[in-house]
Amino acid sequence: IQAIGNQAYQEFPNLKVVYVTAEEFTNEFILCIKEKSSHKFKNKYRKVDILLVDDIHFLPGKVETQEELFHTFNALYDANKQMVFTCDRPVSELKALSDRLRSRFERGLNVDLQPPNYETRIAILRQKIESKHVEIPDEVIELIGKNITTNVRDLEKALTKLVAYADLVNKKISLEIAQRQLQDFFTQPHQKNISLDLIQKVVAEYFGVSSNDLKGKKRTKAIALPRQIAMYISREMTEYSTTEVGLDFGGRDHTTVMHVCQKIENTMKTDPTLEPTIQHLIRTIKEYRTST
């Protein structure tokens, strides 16, 4: 989202572009109430040409902040200004978000941003390498492109680390150096060290249920769907057998797990929101594992 602001500023330097995270917006709003400086706050966010708000999934439950953002949205909309909001899930899945603010978000163009595919990752790497004026063998570029599949930020981090190391030891970047220095960045589709507990934790937090709910016997839709998704992700991301997965999900048998996985695959063909949700959860699990 910051790239949008940078591009707008480069092409139209006279435009007033403001970028803020939802958390920063909330903190500033709280401060303006304490300091009784609401006029200054409104001028900052309502008199702009482009407003970029990151991570609006931070807003649910913050009633007064939502109210202020609602009025900010209306002011900018009425003035024919541009707004961009990002969220880690479909707006329809945000709980404790006011209906009228939700309707404003859904009024605009909703775009699902997926991680870049292999060809795009290679193109991004080549562009970054060119801008850094360094030489990196094709085999190293391909190694990075194949193994770092999460997002552009991780590609940049890996490249920066590799270039910095090569400068430090005064060596040319080689495949051996890349494999050794970037092993913490590399992701593999099947990893035994991604635990079922971690998958259950991430999925449960996303859907607002508990890990025990996923392992329990309740069959309400609010629990059954998260449980099915967690079982599906367990089979996709780990080498645990259907029997092992079933046992960890409340002692279910392997045929149940197989049926659930098939059901999720079939549903993804008809429900356009399911696959993006699952991909988001997979990315979260990978990122959580990398950060721990």
Protein backbone atom coordinates (compact mmCIF):
# COMPACT_ATOMS: atom_id res chain seq x y z
CA ILE A 1 0.00 0.00 0.00
CA GLN A 2 2.93 2.34 0.61
CA ALA A 3 4.00 1.74 -2.98
CA ILE A 4 0.69 3.27 -4.08
CA GLY A 5 1.49 6.40 -2.14
CA ASN A 6 5.05 6.56 -3.47
CA GLN A 7 3.89 6.15 -7.06
CA ALA A 8 1.20 8.80 -6.65
CA TYR A 9 3.71 11.22 -5.16
CA GLN A 10 6.20 10.63 -7.99
CA GLU A 11 3.62 11.20 -10.71
CA PHE A 12 1.68 13.96 -8.96
CA PRO A 13 3.99 15.67 -6.43
CA ASN A 14 1.39 18.32 -5.62
CA LEU A 15 -1.05 15.78 -4.24
CA LYS A 16 -1.36 15.42 -0.48
CA VAL A 17 -0.96 11.72 0.31
CA VAL A 18 -1.32 10.38 3.85
CA TYR A 19 -0.45 6.84 4.91
CA VAL A 20 -1.41 5.50 8.32
CA THR A 21 -2.04 2.15 9.95
CA ALA A 22 -5.39 1.60 11.62
CA GLU A 23 -3.57 1.30 14.95
CA GLU A 24 -1.80 4.63 14.43
CA PHE A 25 -5.09 6.24 13.40
CA THR A 26 -6.66 4.93 16.60
CA ASN A 27 -3.82 6.15 18.82
CA GLU A 28 -3.83 9.60 17.23
CA PHE A 29 -7.59 9.82 17.64
CA ILE A 30 -7.35 8.92 21.34
CA LEU A 31 -4.62 11.53 21.79
CA CYS A 32 -6.64 14.23 20.05
CA ILE A 33 -9.55 13.56 22.41
CA LYS A 34 -7.27 13.86 25.44
CA GLU A 35 -5.69 17.05 24.12
CA LYS A 36 -8.99 18.39 22.76
CA SER A 37 -7.40 18.89 19.35
CA SER A 38 -10.03 17.25 17.14
CA HIS A 39 -9.83 20.11 14.62
CA LYS A 40 -6.16 19.37 13.97
CA PHE A 41 -6.89 15.65 13.62
CA LYS A 42 -9.72 16.22 11.15
CA ASN A 43 -7.61 18.58 9.06
CA LYS A 44 -4.89 15.97 8.80
CA TYR A 45 -7.12 13.19 7.52
CA ARG A 46 -10.04 14.94 5.84
CA LYS A 47 -8.08 17.44 3.76
CA VAL A 48 -6.03 15.02 1.70
CA ASP A 49 -6.10 13.85 -1.89
CA ILE A 50 -5.28 10.21 -1.14
CA LEU A 51 -5.76 8.44 2.19
CA LEU A 52 -4.07 5.06 2.66
CA VAL A 53 -5.10 3.06 5.73
CA ASP A 54 -3.30 -0.21 6.46
CA ASP A 55 -4.55 -3.14 8.57
CA ILE A 56 -8.19 -2.22 9.14
CA HIS A 57 -8.64 -5.61 10.82
CA PHE A 58 -7.35 -3.69 13.86
CA LEU A 59 -10.61 -1.68 14.02
CA PRO A 60 -13.26 -4.17 15.22
CA GLY A 61 -14.31 -3.40 18.77
CA LYS A 62 -13.04 0.20 18.66
CA VAL A 63 -16.40 1.91 18.38
CA GLU A 64 -15.36 5.57 18.58
CA THR A 65 -12.48 5.10 16.15
CA GLN A 66 -14.84 3.43 13.69
CA GLU A 67 -17.22 6.37 14.06
CA GLU A 68 -14.45 8.85 13.29
CA LEU A 69 -13.21 6.84 10.31
CA PHE A 70 -16.78 6.62 9.02
CA HIS A 71 -17.10 10.41 8.97
CA THR A 72 -13.61 10.75 7.48
CA PHE A 73 -14.60 8.33 4.74
CA ASN A 74 -17.75 10.31 3.97
CA ALA A 75 -15.90 13.63 3.89
CA LEU A 76 -13.31 12.33 1.43
CA TYR A 77 -15.90 10.49 -0.65
CA ASP A 78 -18.03 13.62 -0.97
CA ALA A 79 -14.93 15.55 -2.03
CA ASN A 80 -14.15 12.95 -4.73
CA LYS A 81 -10.86 11.98 -3.10
CA GLN A 82 -9.19 8.58 -3.28
CA MET A 83 -8.95 6.06 -0.43
CA VAL A 84 -7.26 2.68 -0.14
CA PHE A 85 -7.74 0.29 2.77
CA THR A 86 -6.01 -3.02 3.40
CA CYS A 87 -7.10 -5.94 5.53
CA ASP A 88 -5.81 -9.45 6.20
CA ARG A 89 -9.21 -11.01 5.43
CA PRO A 90 -12.43 -10.21 3.54
CA VAL A 91 -14.29 -7.31 5.17
CA SER A 92 -17.34 -9.54 5.49
CA GLU A 93 -15.40 -11.64 8.01
CA LEU A 94 -14.54 -8.75 10.31
CA LYS A 95 -16.50 -9.19 13.50
CA ALA A 96 -17.51 -6.19 15.68
CA LEU A 97 -17.23 -3.83 12.71
CA SER A 98 -20.12 -1.40 12.36
CA ASP A 99 -22.50 -2.20 9.52
CA ARG A 100 -22.33 1.25 8.00
CA LEU A 101 -18.52 1.30 7.96
CA ARG A 102 -18.53 -2.20 6.48
CA SER A 103 -20.91 -1.01 3.76
CA ARG A 104 -18.52 1.84 2.92
CA PHE A 105 -15.61 -0.55 2.55
CA GLU A 106 -17.66 -2.92 0.40
CA ARG A 107 -18.89 -0.07 -1.79
CA GLY A 108 -15.52 0.28 -3.50
CA LEU A 109 -13.41 -2.09 -5.56
CA ASN A 110 -12.39 -5.11 -3.48
CA VAL A 111 -9.22 -6.83 -4.66
CA ASP A 112 -7.71 -10.02 -3.29
CA LEU A 113 -3.91 -9.67 -3.35
CA GLN A 114 -2.27 -13.07 -3.63
CA PRO A 115 1.46 -13.72 -3.14
CA PRO A 116 3.44 -13.21 -6.37
CA ASN A 117 3.84 -16.28 -8.56
CA TYR A 118 7.23 -17.68 -9.53
CA GLU A 119 7.65 -15.60 -12.70
CA THR A 120 6.72 -12.42 -10.86
CA ARG A 121 9.10 -13.22 -8.01
CA ILE A 122 11.97 -13.68 -10.47
CA ALA A 123 11.11 -10.40 -12.21
CA ILE A 124 11.00 -8.58 -8.87
CA LEU A 125 14.35 -10.02 -7.85
CA ARG A 126 15.99 -9.00 -11.12
CA GLN A 127 14.62 -5.48 -10.76
CA LYS A 128 15.89 -5.19 -7.18
CA ILE A 129 19.29 -6.59 -8.15
CA GLU A 130 19.59 -4.06 -10.96
CA SER A 131 18.75 -1.21 -8.61
CA LYS A 132 21.44 -2.40 -6.16
CA HIS A 133 24.03 -2.61 -8.97
CA VAL A 134 25.23 -6.06 -7.92
CA GLU A 135 25.88 -9.26 -9.82
CA ILE A 136 24.01 -12.37 -8.73
CA PRO A 137 24.10 -15.63 -10.73
CA ASP A 138 20.87 -16.86 -12.29
CA GLU A 139 21.03 -20.04 -10.23
CA VAL A 140 20.93 -17.96 -7.04
CA ILE A 141 18.02 -15.87 -8.31
CA GLU A 142 16.13 -19.06 -9.15
CA LEU A 143 16.94 -20.53 -5.74
CA ILE A 144 15.46 -17.50 -3.97
CA GLY A 145 12.46 -17.32 -6.30
CA LYS A 146 11.58 -20.98 -5.78
CA ASN A 147 11.99 -21.02 -2.02
CA ILE A 148 10.65 -17.67 -0.82
CA THR A 149 6.98 -17.67 -1.71
CA THR A 150 5.41 -15.52 1.01
CA ASN A 151 5.61 -11.89 -0.14
CA VAL A 152 7.74 -9.20 -1.76
CA ARG A 153 8.95 -7.97 1.62
CA ASP A 154 10.58 -11.32 2.36
CA LEU A 155 12.23 -11.35 -1.07
CA GLU A 156 13.73 -7.93 -0.36
CA LYS A 157 14.89 -8.95 3.11
CA ALA A 158 16.61 -12.05 1.74
CA LEU A 159 18.30 -10.12 -1.03
CA THR A 160 19.46 -7.40 1.35
CA LYS A 161 20.91 -9.97 3.76
CA LEU A 162 22.71 -11.78 0.95
CA VAL A 163 24.24 -8.62 -0.51
CA ALA A 164 25.27 -7.35 2.93
CA TYR A 165 26.99 -10.64 3.78
CA ALA A 166 28.87 -10.72 0.47
CA ASP A 167 30.08 -7.16 1.07
CA LEU A 168 31.12 -8.00 4.62
CA VAL A 169 33.26 -11.00 3.68
CA ASN A 170 34.30 -9.49 0.34
CA LYS A 171 33.17 -12.49 -1.68
CA LYS A 172 31.10 -12.92 -4.81
CA ILE A 173 27.61 -14.25 -4.23
CA SER A 174 27.48 -17.96 -5.01
CA LEU A 175 24.89 -20.70 -4.74
CA GLU A 176 26.67 -22.14 -1.71
CA ILE A 177 26.67 -18.80 0.11
CA ALA A 178 23.01 -18.21 -0.70
CA GLN A 179 21.97 -21.65 0.55
CA ARG A 180 23.83 -21.13 3.80
CA GLN A 181 22.84 -17.54 4.50
CA LEU A 182 19.18 -17.75 3.48
CA GLN A 183 18.17 -21.10 4.94
CA ASP A 184 15.96 -19.37 7.54
CA PHE A 185 14.01 -17.65 4.76
CA PHE A 186 13.33 -20.73 2.72
CA THR A 187 9.89 -22.27 3.01
CA GLN A 188 8.93 -25.81 2.12
CA PRO A 189 5.39 -26.96 1.42
CA HIS A 190 5.61 -29.98 3.77
CA GLN A 191 7.32 -29.57 7.10
CA LYS A 192 7.08 -31.90 10.06
CA ASN A 193 8.26 -29.09 12.35
CA ILE A 194 5.08 -27.13 11.68
CA SER A 195 3.03 -28.51 14.52
CA LEU A 196 -0.66 -29.28 14.45
CA ASP A 197 -0.94 -27.18 17.62
CA LEU A 198 0.35 -24.15 15.72
CA ILE A 199 -2.11 -24.69 12.88
CA GLN A 200 -4.97 -25.06 15.35
CA LYS A 201 -3.88 -21.94 17.23
CA VAL A 202 -3.70 -19.74 14.11
CA VAL A 203 -6.99 -20.98 12.66
CA ALA A 204 -8.79 -20.72 16.00
CA GLU A 205 -7.61 -17.14 16.56
CA TYR A 206 -8.64 -16.15 13.05
CA PHE A 207 -12.19 -17.43 13.47
CA GLY A 208 -12.60 -16.36 17.09
CA VAL A 209 -12.89 -19.84 18.56
CA SER A 210 -10.57 -21.92 20.77
CA SER A 211 -8.21 -24.75 19.89
CA ASN A 212 -10.30 -26.96 22.16
CA ASP A 213 -13.34 -26.16 20.01
CA LEU A 214 -11.48 -27.50 16.98
CA LYS A 215 -10.72 -30.71 18.84
CA GLY A 216 -14.19 -31.03 20.33
CA LYS A 217 -17.45 -32.55 19.17
CA LYS A 218 -19.53 -29.43 18.51
CA ARG A 219 -20.85 -29.28 14.96
CA THR A 220 -22.18 -25.73 14.77
CA LYS A 221 -21.14 -23.93 11.58
CA ALA A 222 -19.10 -21.42 13.59
CA ILE A 223 -16.88 -24.27 14.74
CA ALA A 224 -17.28 -26.94 12.05
CA LEU A 225 -15.90 -24.81 9.21
CA PRO A 226 -12.78 -23.64 11.10
CA ARG A 227 -12.19 -27.25 12.18
CA GLN A 228 -12.45 -28.47 8.57
CA ILE A 229 -10.12 -25.73 7.35
CA ALA A 230 -7.58 -26.55 10.07
CA MET A 231 -7.67 -30.24 9.14
CA TYR A 232 -7.24 -29.39 5.46
CA ILE A 233 -4.28 -27.08 6.18
CA SER A 234 -2.74 -29.77 8.40
CA ARG A 235 -2.69 -32.14 5.44
CA GLU A 236 -1.39 -29.46 3.07
CA MET A 237 1.41 -28.12 5.25
CA THR A 238 2.70 -31.17 7.11
CA GLU A 239 3.61 -34.79 6.52
CA TYR A 240 1.27 -36.04 9.23
CA SER A 241 -0.95 -38.85 8.01
CA THR A 242 -4.73 -38.59 7.93
CA THR A 243 -4.78 -40.91 10.94
CA GLU A 244 -2.42 -38.66 12.91
CA VAL A 245 -4.40 -35.55 11.97
CA GLY A 246 -7.67 -37.21 12.94
CA LEU A 247 -6.33 -38.27 16.33
CA ASP A 248 -5.18 -34.73 17.09
CA PHE A 249 -8.59 -33.35 16.15
CA GLY A 250 -10.53 -35.13 18.86
CA GLY A 251 -9.89 -38.74 17.86
CA ARG A 252 -11.52 -38.60 14.45
CA ASP A 253 -10.68 -41.42 12.04
CA HIS A 254 -8.72 -41.11 8.82
CA THR A 255 -11.79 -41.43 6.57
CA THR A 256 -13.29 -38.36 8.24
CA VAL A 257 -10.14 -36.37 7.52
CA MET A 258 -10.11 -37.52 3.90
CA HIS A 259 -13.78 -36.58 3.51
CA VAL A 260 -13.16 -33.14 5.05
CA CYS A 261 -10.21 -32.42 2.74
CA GLN A 262 -12.24 -33.39 -0.31
CA LYS A 263 -15.13 -31.24 0.88
CA ILE A 264 -12.88 -28.20 1.32
CA GLU A 265 -11.37 -28.69 -2.16
CA ASN A 266 -14.86 -28.90 -3.69
CA THR A 267 -16.08 -25.85 -1.78
CA MET A 268 -13.13 -23.77 -2.99
CA LYS A 269 -14.38 -24.28 -6.54
CA THR A 270 -17.72 -22.62 -5.76
CA ASP A 271 -16.90 -20.24 -2.90
CA PRO A 272 -14.53 -17.47 -4.10
CA THR A 273 -13.73 -16.39 -0.52
CA LEU A 274 -12.56 -19.74 0.84
CA GLU A 275 -9.27 -20.19 -1.01
CA PRO A 276 -8.00 -16.66 -0.21
CA THR A 277 -8.86 -17.28 3.44
CA ILE A 278 -6.94 -20.56 3.47
CA GLN A 279 -3.96 -19.01 1.68
CA HIS A 280 -3.91 -16.18 4.22
CA LEU A 281 -3.89 -18.69 7.08
CA ILE A 282 -1.07 -20.67 5.46
CA ARG A 283 1.00 -17.48 5.09
CA THR A 284 0.31 -16.57 8.72
CA ILE A 285 1.44 -20.00 9.90
CA LYS A 286 4.66 -19.75 7.86
CA GLU A 287 5.37 -16.24 9.11
CA TYR A 288 4.63 -17.24 12.70
CA ARG A 289 7.05 -20.15 12.42
CA THR A 290 9.75 -17.90 10.91
CA SER A 291 9.41 -15.34 13.71
CA THR A 292 9.65 -17.89 16.53
